[in-house]
Every structure is written in C-alpha cells, then in structure tokens.
Amino acid sequence: MSVTASLAFGNVAVGQNLTRTVTVYNTGATHPLVVSSAIPSDSEYALSGTSTCGAIPITIAPKTNCTMGVSFTPDAVGARPASLTLSDNATTSPQHVTLTGTGIAGLTTTKSSLLFGDVKFGAKGTEAFSVTNHQSQPVALNESFSGANPSDFSVSGGTCGTTLDALTSCSIIVSFSPSVLGTESATLSVADSPDPLSPNPVAITTGPTIPATVLPATLAYGSLTTKVPSKTLKTTVTNLSGFALPLSESISGTNATDFSVTGSGTCGPMVSPNSSCTIAVTFTPTAGGSSESAIMAVTVGNDPTSPHNITLTGTGP
C-alpha cells in the first residue's frame, strides 16, 4: 500500500475551508486493501465528501487507487500542523499523512491605529487606511465608532462600500472634527460578515485640540515722527471653541518698556466662546531714531500652541 505523504493547505482564512485529496493506492497484486479508519489528529481537519474512495471502511482492488478528500477549517490564526492516520489490513499499517495549514484573519487592516495631530476647532483632520478580504467569498462590511469621543469621528470617504469582494481590498478615510478641549480618542470597529474573528478594531487618538488663533503674528509700527510720537496697533484673539478660555499677555525683549498693552483693546481675562477680541499695544519709542523690538507672549488657556509670540517692531523719530 502507498498513500500521499503530505498535504499542504497553505493560508486559509479562519472559518473558511479548503479541501485537498489523498491518493490511496493498493500496490498488492492479489488481495483487496481494506481501510478501516482515517482519523485526523486535529479537529480542524476532517474527511470530506469529495472522495472517490467512498465512505469508511473502503475496499480497494489490487493495483488500483482512489482519492480521499480532507478539508481544513482553521479556528484560530497561526500554523495548524496535524496528521491523518489510516488503519488498514496492510502489513505496514497504520499509514500517516502529514497535514500543514495556516489560519489567517479573514479581514486585515493596514493600520491598527490612527493618530491625528493637533486640529483646530472648525477644521477637519483626515487619516486613511486599507482593508483586505482574505476570504474566498464576499463579505458584508460595516464601520462603527465607540469610546470616549465617537461623535467627533466619521467615515468620510474611501472606496469601501457595504460589500467587499473575495480576495480584494478597499480604503477607508476617517475624518476628525474636534469639539473637546485637550486630546480625544475613539475606536473604529470594522466588521465583516461572515467572519468569526470580526470586528477588527482600529484605535484612534489625537493631539491636543487647538481652540484659538492670535493674528497677526507681527505688529510693525514703522517709523514714527515727532508729530506722531506714539502709535497703537491691535492683534485679534479668536476663540474657535464653545468654551470660555483664560487669556493673559506679557511683553519682553530688548525694548520691552517702550511697548505696552493699553485699554483700547477689547480683551479681558477670559475670551468668550465662539468670539473674538483685540489686544491693543502702544509703541512709545525712547531710543531716538534707532530700530526697536520686543515680543508679546499671548497665553490662551487649553491651547497647545500657546503662548503665541507676537513680534513688535518700530523706529522712533
């Protein structure tokens, strides 16, 4: 008697099955070969109906052969080695067939996490990744968000639809629009059906959200004259968020004492939600006709880009 020495199933998605065949050959010239049992050592392998041998026990005439179907249905990811033991009436009984196969995820994502940087209120950040269906059948796709801030994230594009064909890939674009001061997070679950390993989680995190802008970043007073010995310019603080933000400013640098915050601005110690105010800075030069400069640091609470450094330049008469 002879039998196929080994069957290699390769990569098979968990929950899917693949069938290969073992050839059993009666090498004898006189007596029938009777195979009384064929038992895999791992339940992920099983005898299949795809067989010319028929049901166990099987009888094979001298100098003839038949095929026996063996299916592989992995229930976990990773290599799944096993063996098939055939008991028969040959003197060499039992016979052994080496079985090899690897379980792989039915769906994989090119990224297991998405990181959004610092995003301004009112703006939108985007990140993208791809998913691949490793199954030999189409799957139904569905995406959902959960976690601390699920409502601030959305699927805004990509090529994925409600169905993904067998052995194909598609892309998912995720958008982030902040509504919370500080960092945000969520989990995107990509579900595919049928798939026993579904859903596939993608962790989402962000940098601290940016709630305000301070513009312009330079106040240039130019050259003052004896008729105009001082001049006031303003920078605008815009609170983009729905939260009141603490505000303060300080002036430093070479000629800091010649620049001062005056009362003609509208900003106070807090900036109201979704509003703007101005900081008025007056330049009163004392260095003659020399160029002067300083830096005004505007500190906005809960703003990771703070302090905002405003360059102050001017020349006296």
Foldseek 3Di string as FASTA:
>chain_A
DDKAAEDEPEEAAAQDKDKDKMKDFAQDDDDKKWWADKDKPDPQKDWDPPWPQDDPGGIHDHGDMIITMMMGHDNDFFKDKIKIWIAIDDPPPTGIYTYIYGYDHQKDKPAQEAEAEAAEAVDKDKDKIKMWGQHQAKWFKDKAKADDCRVQKDFDDKDDDRIDGHGDMIMTMMMGHDQDQAKDWMWMWIAIPPGPVDTRIYIYIYGGYAFKDKDDQEDEPEEDDPVGQKDKDKIKIFGSHQDKKFKDKAKDDDPRVQKDWDDPWDDDRIDHHGGMTMTMIMGRDDPAFDKDKIWMFMAIPSGPVGRRIRIYIYGYD
